[in-house]
Amino acid sequence: MPFTIAIIGRPNVGKSTLFNRLVGQKLALVDDLPGVTRDRREGEARLGDLEFTIIDTAGLDEGAKGSLTARMQEQTETAIAQADALFFVIDARIGLTPTDRAFADFARKANKPVLLVANKSEGKHGDAGAMEAFALGLGDPIQISAEHGEGMGELYDALAKLMPAPVDDDEDEDDEQLSEEEAATRPIRVAIVGRPNAGKSTLINHLLGEERLLTSPEAGTTRDSIAVEINWKGRDFRVFDTAGLRRRSRIEQKLEKLSVADALRAVRFAEVVVLMMDTQNRFEEQDLRIADLVEREGRAVVLAVNKWDLMETKGGGAISGLRRDADHWLPQLKGVPIVAVSGLMGEGIDRLMHAIQDAYAIWNRRVPTAALNRWFEQAVQANPPPAVSGRRLKLNYITQTKARPPSFVLFCSRADAVPQSYLRYLTNSMRETFELPGTPVRITLREKANPFAHKRKRPS
């Protein structure tokens, strides 16, 4: 079990900036607005030769029981319970506040080693606030600037005293062997995307069996893209909960723009993307835009129609209607798997997880060359390419260059003249013949080299 540290403190003291500095990536959203972080986020951190797990938490703040603020604090308390040590962060430029003093008592009651971190100490303005921090009784404050990387050496020295002794060489070899085994069966990366309030966090909480992610009837509760590890019937998944994606014209605030950018990064990092739609308002324009974005990114797609428990009629006719709607509105993803679920009640979860695994397998599929050539010959004979400008197009052969998603190169004459309608015909025929429903299929045109092109015509 890796050594775990939770970063705690009041809102807007720079906890997420410190988290990003330690993990070496901009994983957590950072903004001048207080309270950006809501869910707790974990990452693998490194400071010098020290390696540990770091948890970014929501700012400690008081709220009425049952409110979003109170549930954010519950997430922080859970992180503290999981941690082996705490980074208690204050803003050195502002100095101590009554909230800092109140939550210093909270940190002491956790009965965990605490390092007092005075952030934003760059320049002369941070010295006074750092001196005030002695009054908290949590030891000597460590003056740092998480944004500029100052004071990391002092933080390293203090943390090294808390960390367990390094393992011996034999144990290192075992760890390397274990990592190779894990690489052979690495988790499937899944991003859950959709419009705000589609039920993405509720679904993931049901998969986890705990209230790991904050949920609320209010749209836009999720801001960061939070990754959680899930084992479902022996198969590992790394699932990313993302912020709701609205139309670009409605995105005005800087924070929402950051949240959307973070969600799009999760899509590009994922292997399978689950597009969640509200059963009462499915296949709206924004749903179609998101699906098209995922297809252009080349990710496997699964459609999940959530809140199915609210439907009055749930028979086979309703499911068939979903299938017809999906094929009608998303012709570029013909045959995409669609599953009716209820994240709140747990309906359809098994079907959804099986659909994700099937979509992942199809996304990785390679078509045998012999079968591909037979199909290509039959497809061209059944529907030859049209003549363009009075000249016929010659299609020579096709080959698969890679999977993830299945990608092919078609060698032909006059590549720029092949109609898009004919490429769609080949794509749909390939989907049907080789059972590639829903996954993006890429066909790139390439002109076959003319062996006589270098010979010039003799003058008459």
Protein backbone atom coordinates (compact mmCIF):
# COMPACT_ATOMS: atom_id res chain seq x y z
CA MET A 1 0.00 0.00 0.00
CA PRO A 2 1.66 3.29 -1.06
CA PHE A 3 2.20 6.08 1.44
CA THR A 4 -0.78 8.44 1.09
CA ILE A 5 -0.97 12.17 1.79
CA ALA A 6 -4.13 14.31 1.78
CA ILE A 7 -3.90 18.02 1.02
CA ILE A 8 -6.35 19.94 3.19
CA GLY A 9 -7.10 23.58 3.97
CA ARG A 10 -9.69 26.26 3.40
CA PRO A 11 -10.76 27.17 -0.15
CA ASN A 12 -8.41 29.02 -2.54
CA VAL A 13 -5.12 28.50 -0.70
CA GLY A 14 -3.53 26.63 -3.64
CA LYS A 15 -4.18 22.97 -2.82
CA SER A 16 -4.85 21.97 -6.43
CA THR A 17 -1.79 23.90 -7.63
CA LEU A 18 0.35 21.94 -5.16
CA PHE A 19 -1.33 18.71 -6.29
CA ASN A 20 -0.49 19.46 -9.92
CA ARG A 21 3.09 20.31 -8.99
CA LEU A 22 3.60 16.98 -7.18
CA VAL A 23 2.00 14.76 -9.85
CA GLY A 24 3.82 16.61 -12.63
CA GLN A 25 0.68 17.25 -14.68
CA LYS A 26 -2.15 19.77 -14.72
CA LEU A 27 -4.76 17.23 -13.65
CA ALA A 28 -6.73 19.37 -11.21
CA LEU A 29 -8.55 22.52 -12.33
CA VAL A 30 -7.07 25.74 -10.95
CA ASP A 31 -8.82 29.10 -10.86
CA ASP A 32 -8.90 32.24 -8.71
CA LEU A 33 -12.52 31.47 -7.82
CA PRO A 34 -12.76 29.74 -4.41
CA GLY A 35 -14.27 26.27 -4.20
CA VAL A 36 -13.28 24.99 -7.65
CA THR A 37 -12.43 21.51 -6.35
CA ARG A 38 -15.45 19.52 -5.18
CA ASP A 39 -14.64 15.81 -5.46
CA ARG A 40 -11.47 14.33 -4.05
CA ARG A 41 -8.85 13.46 -6.67
CA GLU A 42 -5.97 10.99 -6.32
CA GLY A 43 -2.68 10.95 -8.20
CA GLU A 44 0.74 9.30 -8.14
CA ALA A 45 3.17 11.93 -6.88
CA ARG A 46 6.95 12.25 -6.84
CA LEU A 47 9.16 14.64 -4.90
CA GLY A 48 12.82 13.92 -5.58
CA ASP A 49 13.20 10.19 -4.96
CA LEU A 50 10.08 10.05 -2.77
CA GLU A 51 7.05 8.40 -4.38
CA PHE A 52 3.61 8.50 -2.78
CA THR A 53 -0.12 8.87 -3.45
CA ILE A 54 -1.50 12.40 -3.12
CA ILE A 55 -5.17 13.33 -2.61
CA ASP A 56 -6.52 16.74 -3.56
CA THR A 57 -9.60 17.68 -1.54
CA ALA A 58 -12.29 20.31 -1.49
CA GLY A 59 -11.64 23.34 0.70
CA LEU A 60 -12.72 22.80 4.28
CA ASP A 61 -15.81 24.91 4.80
CA GLU A 62 -18.93 24.80 6.94
CA GLY A 63 -22.32 24.02 5.44
CA ALA A 64 -25.82 22.96 6.44
CA LYS A 65 -26.36 19.22 6.84
CA GLY A 66 -27.22 17.60 3.52
CA SER A 67 -26.04 20.61 1.48
CA LEU A 68 -23.49 20.34 -1.31
CA THR A 69 -20.90 22.10 0.90
CA ALA A 70 -21.47 19.62 3.72
CA ARG A 71 -21.10 16.66 1.37
CA MET A 72 -17.89 18.18 -0.03
CA GLN A 73 -16.56 18.24 3.54
CA GLU A 74 -17.58 14.59 3.97
CA GLN A 75 -15.43 13.77 0.92
CA THR A 76 -12.53 15.59 2.58
CA GLU A 77 -13.05 13.69 5.85
CA THR A 78 -12.95 10.42 3.90
CA ALA A 79 -9.64 11.46 2.32
CA ILE A 80 -8.21 12.29 5.74
CA ALA A 81 -9.25 8.87 7.04
CA GLN A 82 -7.47 7.17 4.11
CA ALA A 83 -4.28 9.22 4.41
CA ASP A 84 -1.11 8.41 6.32
CA ALA A 85 -0.18 12.10 6.66
CA LEU A 86 -1.64 15.54 5.92
CA PHE A 87 -0.46 18.68 4.16
CA PHE A 88 -2.31 21.53 5.92
CA VAL A 89 -2.07 24.44 3.48
CA ILE A 90 -2.53 28.13 4.31
CA ASP A 91 -2.21 31.28 2.19
CA ALA A 92 0.92 33.08 3.39
CA ARG A 93 -0.03 36.32 1.63
CA ILE A 94 -3.32 36.63 3.50
CA GLY A 95 -2.13 35.19 6.79
CA LEU A 96 -4.19 33.24 9.30
CA THR A 97 -7.98 33.49 9.22
CA PRO A 98 -10.51 32.23 11.77
CA THR A 99 -11.30 29.41 9.33
CA ASP A 100 -7.63 28.34 9.31
CA ARG A 101 -7.60 28.24 13.12
CA ALA A 102 -10.83 26.25 13.29
CA PHE A 103 -9.66 23.63 10.82
CA ALA A 104 -6.22 23.39 12.40
CA ASP A 105 -8.07 21.91 15.38
CA PHE A 106 -9.84 19.61 12.91
CA ALA A 107 -6.46 18.46 11.54
CA ARG A 108 -5.08 17.81 15.04
CA LYS A 109 -8.07 15.61 15.91
CA ALA A 110 -7.31 13.42 12.89
CA ASN A 111 -4.35 12.04 14.88
CA LYS A 112 -2.18 11.95 11.73
CA PRO A 113 1.24 13.52 11.10
CA VAL A 114 0.67 17.05 9.78
CA LEU A 115 3.02 19.22 7.73
CA LEU A 116 2.05 22.89 7.84
CA VAL A 117 2.57 24.34 4.35
CA ALA A 118 2.57 28.13 3.89
CA ASN A 119 1.82 28.48 0.19
CA LYS A 120 2.18 31.62 -1.96
CA SER A 121 5.32 32.61 -0.01
CA GLU A 122 7.15 34.01 -3.02
CA GLY A 123 8.50 37.52 -2.49
CA LYS A 124 8.38 39.57 0.70
CA HIS A 125 4.62 39.53 1.14
CA GLY A 126 4.53 35.90 2.29
CA ASP A 127 6.91 36.19 5.22
CA ALA A 128 4.47 37.82 7.65
CA GLY A 129 1.73 35.27 7.04
CA ALA A 130 4.18 32.40 7.41
CA MET A 131 5.31 33.76 10.78
CA GLU A 132 1.68 33.92 11.93
CA ALA A 133 1.35 30.21 11.16
CA PHE A 134 3.49 29.33 14.20
CA ALA A 135 0.43 30.19 16.30
CA LEU A 136 -1.43 27.14 14.95
CA GLY A 137 0.77 24.79 16.97
CA LEU A 138 1.34 22.43 14.02
CA GLY A 139 5.10 22.83 13.92
CA ASP A 140 7.32 25.01 11.78
CA PRO A 141 5.61 26.25 8.62
CA ILE A 142 7.24 25.19 5.34
CA GLN A 143 7.30 28.20 3.03
CA ILE A 144 6.66 27.26 -0.60
CA SER A 145 5.26 28.59 -3.82
CA ALA A 146 3.43 25.72 -5.52
CA GLU A 147 2.92 27.80 -8.67
CA HIS A 148 6.60 28.67 -9.10
CA GLY A 149 8.13 25.54 -7.55
CA GLU A 150 9.88 27.37 -4.72
CA GLY A 151 10.50 25.65 -1.35
CA MET A 152 10.19 22.09 -2.72
CA GLY A 153 13.54 21.19 -1.16
CA GLU A 154 12.32 22.14 2.32
CA LEU A 155 9.10 20.21 1.72
CA TYR A 156 11.17 17.19 0.64
CA ASP A 157 13.25 17.29 3.85
CA ALA A 158 10.17 17.41 6.07
CA LEU A 159 8.35 14.69 4.13
CA ALA A 160 11.36 12.35 4.05
CA LYS A 161 11.22 12.15 7.86
CA LEU A 162 7.63 10.84 7.67
CA MET A 163 8.04 8.38 4.81
CA PRO A 164 8.76 4.71 5.51
CA ALA A 165 12.21 3.29 4.77
CA PRO A 166 12.74 2.32 1.10
CA VAL A 167 12.24 -1.34 0.18
CA ASP A 168 15.22 -3.56 -0.61
CA ASP A 169 16.35 -4.64 -4.07
CA ASP A 170 14.54 -8.00 -3.97
CA GLU A 171 11.24 -6.30 -3.32
CA ASP A 172 11.96 -3.89 -6.19
CA GLU A 173 12.32 -6.84 -8.55
CA ASP A 174 8.99 -8.22 -7.37
CA ASP A 175 7.36 -4.85 -8.00
CA GLU A 176 8.76 -4.73 -11.53
CA GLN A 177 7.46 -8.24 -12.22
CA LEU A 178 4.04 -7.27 -10.86
CA SER A 179 3.93 -4.14 -13.04
CA GLU A 180 4.58 -6.29 -16.13
CA GLU A 181 1.70 -8.58 -15.17
CA GLU A 182 -0.54 -5.57 -14.66
CA ALA A 183 0.47 -4.20 -18.07
CA ALA A 184 -0.76 -7.42 -19.72
CA THR A 185 -4.23 -6.93 -18.24
CA ARG A 186 -4.29 -3.18 -17.83
CA PRO A 187 -7.62 -1.48 -17.05
CA ILE A 188 -9.91 -0.35 -19.86
CA ARG A 189 -10.00 3.46 -19.83
CA VAL A 190 -13.62 4.63 -19.95
CA ALA A 191 -14.86 8.25 -20.06
CA ILE A 192 -18.47 8.98 -19.08
CA VAL A 193 -19.66 12.08 -20.98
CA GLY A 194 -22.94 13.85 -21.65
CA ARG A 195 -24.95 16.97 -21.06
CA PRO A 196 -25.16 18.42 -17.52
CA ASN A 197 -27.34 16.49 -15.07
CA ALA A 198 -27.52 13.34 -17.20
CA GLY A 199 -26.61 11.20 -14.17
CA LYS A 200 -22.93 10.45 -14.87
CA SER A 201 -21.70 10.68 -11.27
CA THR A 202 -24.70 8.73 -9.95
CA LEU A 203 -23.91 5.87 -12.31
CA ILE A 204 -20.26 5.71 -11.23
CA ASN A 205 -21.23 5.81 -7.56
CA HIS A 206 -23.45 2.77 -8.15
CA LEU A 207 -20.58 0.94 -9.86
CA LEU A 208 -18.34 1.71 -6.88
CA GLY A 209 -20.97 0.88 -4.29
CA GLU A 210 -20.26 4.11 -2.39
CA GLU A 211 -20.89 7.86 -2.60
CA ARG A 212 -17.44 8.50 -4.04
CA LEU A 213 -18.54 11.38 -6.31
CA LEU A 214 -20.74 14.32 -5.40
CA THR A 215 -24.20 14.33 -6.94
CA SER A 216 -26.90 16.98 -6.85
CA PRO A 217 -30.14 17.84 -8.68
CA GLU A 218 -28.34 21.07 -9.61
CA ALA A 219 -26.68 20.82 -13.04
CA GLY A 220 -22.91 21.31 -13.18
CA THR A 221 -21.94 19.70 -9.85
CA THR A 222 -18.92 17.92 -11.38
CA ARG A 223 -16.07 20.19 -12.46
CA ASP A 224 -12.88 18.11 -12.58
CA SER A 225 -12.56 14.90 -14.58
CA ILE A 226 -12.19 12.42 -11.72
CA ALA A 227 -10.66 8.98 -12.38
CA VAL A 228 -11.76 6.01 -10.25
CA GLU A 229 -10.65 2.37 -10.36
CA ILE A 230 -13.41 -0.23 -10.73
CA ASN A 231 -13.22 -4.03 -10.81
CA TRP A 232 -16.31 -5.51 -12.42
CA LYS A 233 -16.51 -9.32 -12.35
CA GLY A 234 -12.77 -9.74 -12.58
CA ARG A 235 -12.11 -7.05 -15.22
CA ASP A 236 -10.43 -3.78 -14.25
CA PHE A 237 -11.68 -0.41 -15.49
CA ARG A 238 -10.38 3.12 -15.02
CA VAL A 239 -13.48 5.29 -15.27
CA PHE A 240 -13.42 9.07 -15.73
CA ASP A 241 -16.35 11.15 -14.53
CA THR A 242 -16.50 14.38 -16.51
CA ALA A 243 -18.22 17.75 -16.36
CA GLY A 244 -21.41 18.14 -18.37
CA LEU A 245 -20.89 19.46 -21.90
CA ARG A 246 -23.19 22.30 -22.96
CA ARG A 247 -23.36 24.09 -26.27
CA ARG A 248 -20.36 26.34 -26.83
CA SER A 249 -22.55 29.43 -27.14
CA ARG A 250 -23.84 28.89 -23.58
CA ILE A 251 -20.40 28.51 -22.01
CA GLU A 252 -19.54 31.90 -20.59
CA GLN A 253 -17.63 31.51 -17.34
CA LYS A 254 -13.89 30.79 -17.42
CA LEU A 255 -14.30 27.96 -14.89
CA GLU A 256 -16.82 26.13 -17.08
CA LYS A 257 -14.48 26.50 -20.06
CA LEU A 258 -11.75 24.82 -18.00
CA SER A 259 -14.15 22.04 -16.99
CA VAL A 260 -15.13 21.41 -20.60
CA ALA A 261 -11.49 21.36 -21.69
CA ASP A 262 -10.78 18.84 -18.93
CA ALA A 263 -13.67 16.65 -20.13
CA LEU A 264 -12.36 16.74 -23.71
CA ARG A 265 -8.93 15.65 -22.48
CA ALA A 266 -10.59 12.70 -20.75
CA VAL A 267 -12.25 11.73 -24.06
CA ARG A 268 -8.90 11.82 -25.88
CA PHE A 269 -7.28 9.74 -23.13
CA ALA A 270 -10.09 7.15 -23.04
CA GLU A 271 -10.45 3.97 -25.08
CA VAL A 272 -14.22 3.65 -24.67
CA VAL A 273 -16.56 6.61 -24.26
CA VAL A 274 -20.02 6.18 -22.73
CA LEU A 275 -22.36 8.92 -23.91
CA MET A 276 -25.11 9.31 -21.31
CA MET A 277 -28.46 10.77 -22.31
CA ASP A 278 -31.54 11.59 -20.26
CA THR A 279 -34.36 9.27 -21.26
CA GLN A 280 -36.81 12.19 -21.22
CA ASN A 281 -34.67 14.31 -23.58
CA ARG A 282 -32.58 11.92 -25.62
CA PHE A 283 -30.86 12.53 -28.96
CA GLU A 284 -30.97 16.29 -28.58
CA GLU A 285 -28.67 18.42 -30.69
CA GLN A 286 -25.94 18.55 -28.04
CA ASP A 287 -26.02 14.75 -27.65
CA LEU A 288 -25.43 14.41 -31.39
CA ARG A 289 -22.60 16.93 -31.30
CA ILE A 290 -20.88 15.04 -28.48
CA ALA A 291 -21.27 11.71 -30.32
CA ASP A 292 -19.80 13.25 -33.46
CA LEU A 293 -16.87 14.64 -31.46
CA VAL A 294 -16.14 11.20 -29.95
CA GLU A 295 -16.34 9.57 -33.39
CA ARG A 296 -13.89 12.12 -34.82
CA GLU A 297 -11.52 11.39 -31.94
CA GLY A 298 -11.66 7.71 -32.97
CA ARG A 299 -12.90 6.27 -29.67
CA ALA A 300 -15.21 3.29 -29.18
CA VAL A 301 -18.71 4.49 -28.27
CA VAL A 302 -21.50 3.12 -26.09
CA LEU A 303 -24.80 4.98 -25.70
CA ALA A 304 -26.42 4.83 -22.25
CA VAL A 305 -29.99 6.12 -21.89
CA ASN A 306 -30.20 6.95 -18.19
CA LYS A 307 -33.16 7.36 -15.79
CA TRP A 308 -34.95 4.44 -17.48
CA ASP A 309 -36.80 3.85 -14.20
CA LEU A 310 -38.87 6.97 -15.02
CA MET A 311 -40.20 5.46 -18.27
CA GLU A 312 -43.83 4.37 -18.15
CA THR A 313 -43.41 1.69 -20.86
CA LYS A 314 -40.21 -0.36 -20.79
CA GLY A 315 -41.02 -3.29 -23.08
CA GLY A 316 -39.17 -4.56 -26.12
CA GLY A 317 -40.89 -1.98 -28.27
CA ALA A 318 -39.27 0.84 -26.30
CA ILE A 319 -35.81 -0.74 -26.66
CA SER A 320 -36.37 -1.27 -30.39
CA GLY A 321 -37.32 2.40 -30.63
CA LEU A 322 -33.99 3.34 -29.07
CA ARG A 323 -32.19 1.22 -31.66
CA ARG A 324 -34.04 2.87 -34.54
CA ASP A 325 -33.40 6.35 -33.13
CA ALA A 326 -29.68 5.66 -32.71
CA ASP A 327 -29.25 4.42 -36.29
CA HIS A 328 -31.30 7.34 -37.61
CA TRP A 329 -29.55 10.14 -35.74
CA LEU A 330 -26.01 8.69 -35.74
CA PRO A 331 -25.44 7.12 -39.17
CA GLN A 332 -21.69 7.62 -38.78
CA LEU A 333 -21.86 5.14 -35.85
CA LYS A 334 -24.30 2.66 -37.34
CA GLY A 335 -24.95 -0.23 -34.99
CA VAL A 336 -23.53 1.57 -31.95
CA PRO A 337 -24.49 -0.34 -28.78
CA ILE A 338 -27.27 1.36 -26.82
CA VAL A 339 -28.25 0.37 -23.29
CA ALA A 340 -31.14 1.53 -21.11
CA VAL A 341 -29.92 2.09 -17.55
CA SER A 342 -30.84 3.64 -14.24
CA GLY A 343 -27.77 4.80 -12.35
CA LEU A 344 -29.89 5.48 -9.27
CA MET A 345 -31.68 2.10 -9.17
CA GLY A 346 -28.92 -0.01 -10.73
CA GLU A 347 -30.97 -1.19 -13.71
CA GLY A 348 -29.05 -2.30 -16.80
CA ILE A 349 -25.59 -1.95 -15.23
CA ASP A 350 -24.55 -5.49 -16.19
CA ARG A 351 -25.60 -4.90 -19.81
CA LEU A 352 -23.70 -1.61 -19.87
CA MET A 353 -20.45 -3.14 -18.59
CA HIS A 354 -20.71 -6.01 -21.10
CA ALA A 355 -21.34 -3.46 -23.89
CA ILE A 356 -18.21 -1.55 -22.85
CA GLN A 357 -16.09 -4.70 -23.01
CA ASP A 358 -17.56 -5.70 -26.38
CA ALA A 359 -16.99 -2.21 -27.80
CA TYR A 360 -13.38 -2.30 -26.54
CA ALA A 361 -12.80 -5.68 -28.23
CA ILE A 362 -14.23 -4.42 -31.54
CA TRP A 363 -12.15 -1.23 -31.30
CA ASN A 364 -9.01 -3.42 -31.07
CA ARG A 365 -10.03 -5.83 -33.85
CA ARG A 366 -7.82 -6.66 -36.83
CA VAL A 367 -9.38 -8.09 -39.98
CA PRO A 368 -7.49 -11.00 -41.63
CA THR A 369 -5.90 -9.86 -44.90
CA ALA A 370 -7.35 -12.70 -46.98
CA ALA A 371 -10.89 -12.04 -45.75
CA LEU A 372 -10.43 -8.30 -46.30
CA ASN A 373 -9.38 -8.86 -49.94
CA ARG A 374 -12.33 -11.18 -50.62
CA TRP A 375 -14.75 -8.65 -49.19
CA PHE A 376 -13.19 -5.79 -51.16
CA GLU A 377 -13.45 -7.63 -54.47
CA GLN A 378 -17.10 -8.54 -53.85
CA ALA A 379 -18.03 -5.04 -52.67
CA VAL A 380 -16.53 -3.38 -55.76
CA GLN A 381 -18.17 -5.90 -58.10
CA ALA A 382 -21.56 -5.42 -56.44
CA ASN A 383 -21.32 -1.63 -56.64
CA PRO A 384 -18.50 -0.28 -58.86
CA PRO A 385 -17.28 3.26 -58.19
CA PRO A 386 -18.91 5.92 -60.37
CA ALA A 387 -17.13 7.57 -63.27
CA VAL A 388 -16.04 11.11 -62.52
CA SER A 389 -15.65 13.67 -65.35
CA GLY A 390 -16.11 10.87 -67.87
CA ARG A 391 -13.20 8.83 -66.46
CA ARG A 392 -13.63 5.71 -64.40
CA LEU A 393 -12.00 5.27 -61.00
CA LYS A 394 -9.77 2.28 -60.46
CA LEU A 395 -9.66 0.79 -56.97
CA ASN A 396 -6.61 -1.48 -56.62
CA TYR A 397 -6.57 -3.01 -53.14
CA ILE A 398 -7.10 -2.28 -49.46
CA THR A 399 -5.06 -3.11 -46.36
CA GLN A 400 -5.49 -2.56 -42.61
CA THR A 401 -2.76 -0.38 -41.17
CA LYS A 402 -3.77 -0.41 -37.50
CA ALA A 403 -6.50 -1.00 -34.96
CA ARG A 404 -7.73 1.28 -32.13
CA PRO A 405 -9.84 2.22 -34.14
CA PRO A 406 -9.76 -0.10 -37.20
CA SER A 407 -7.96 1.91 -39.90
CA PHE A 408 -7.47 0.98 -43.55
CA VAL A 409 -5.62 2.35 -46.58
CA LEU A 410 -7.32 2.06 -49.98
CA PHE A 411 -4.96 2.28 -52.96
CA CYS A 412 -6.61 3.73 -56.04
CA SER A 413 -6.26 6.10 -58.97
CA ARG A 414 -7.35 9.75 -58.59
CA ALA A 415 -7.84 9.65 -54.82
CA ASP A 416 -9.21 13.18 -54.74
CA ALA A 417 -12.05 12.19 -57.08
CA VAL A 418 -13.52 9.30 -55.01
CA PRO A 419 -16.95 10.47 -53.73
CA GLN A 420 -17.61 10.52 -49.99
CA SER A 421 -20.84 8.62 -50.66
CA TYR A 422 -18.84 5.70 -52.05
CA LEU A 423 -16.56 5.70 -48.99
CA ARG A 424 -19.67 5.55 -46.78
CA TYR A 425 -20.87 2.56 -48.82
CA LEU A 426 -17.56 0.76 -48.26
CA THR A 427 -17.54 1.66 -44.55
CA ASN A 428 -21.09 0.38 -43.93
CA SER A 429 -20.42 -2.78 -45.94
CA MET A 430 -17.27 -3.40 -43.90
CA ARG A 431 -19.13 -2.87 -40.62
CA GLU A 432 -21.74 -5.44 -41.61
CA THR A 433 -19.33 -8.04 -43.04
CA PHE A 434 -16.72 -7.96 -40.27
CA GLU A 435 -19.08 -7.15 -37.37
CA LEU A 436 -17.71 -3.71 -36.49
CA PRO A 437 -20.88 -2.06 -35.14
CA GLY A 438 -20.59 1.40 -33.67
CA THR A 439 -16.82 1.73 -33.68
CA PRO A 440 -15.23 4.44 -35.85
CA VAL A 441 -13.78 3.03 -39.09
CA ARG A 442 -11.09 5.00 -40.91
CA ILE A 443 -10.47 4.59 -44.67
CA THR A 444 -7.60 6.66 -46.07
CA LEU A 445 -7.18 7.00 -49.83
CA ARG A 446 -3.76 6.73 -51.39
CA GLU A 447 -2.84 6.84 -55.05
CA LYS A 448 -0.83 3.87 -56.29
CA ALA A 449 2.54 4.92 -57.70
CA ASN A 450 2.75 4.91 -61.49
CA PRO A 451 5.87 2.90 -62.49
CA PHE A 452 6.05 4.77 -65.81
CA ALA A 453 5.68 8.28 -64.39
CA HIS A 454 9.42 8.95 -64.58
CA LYS A 455 9.57 8.22 -68.31
CA ARG A 456 9.04 11.24 -70.48
CA LYS A 457 7.24 11.05 -73.77
CA ARG A 458 9.59 11.01 -76.76
CA PRO A 459 9.30 14.06 -79.02
CA SER A 460 7.42 13.27 -82.25
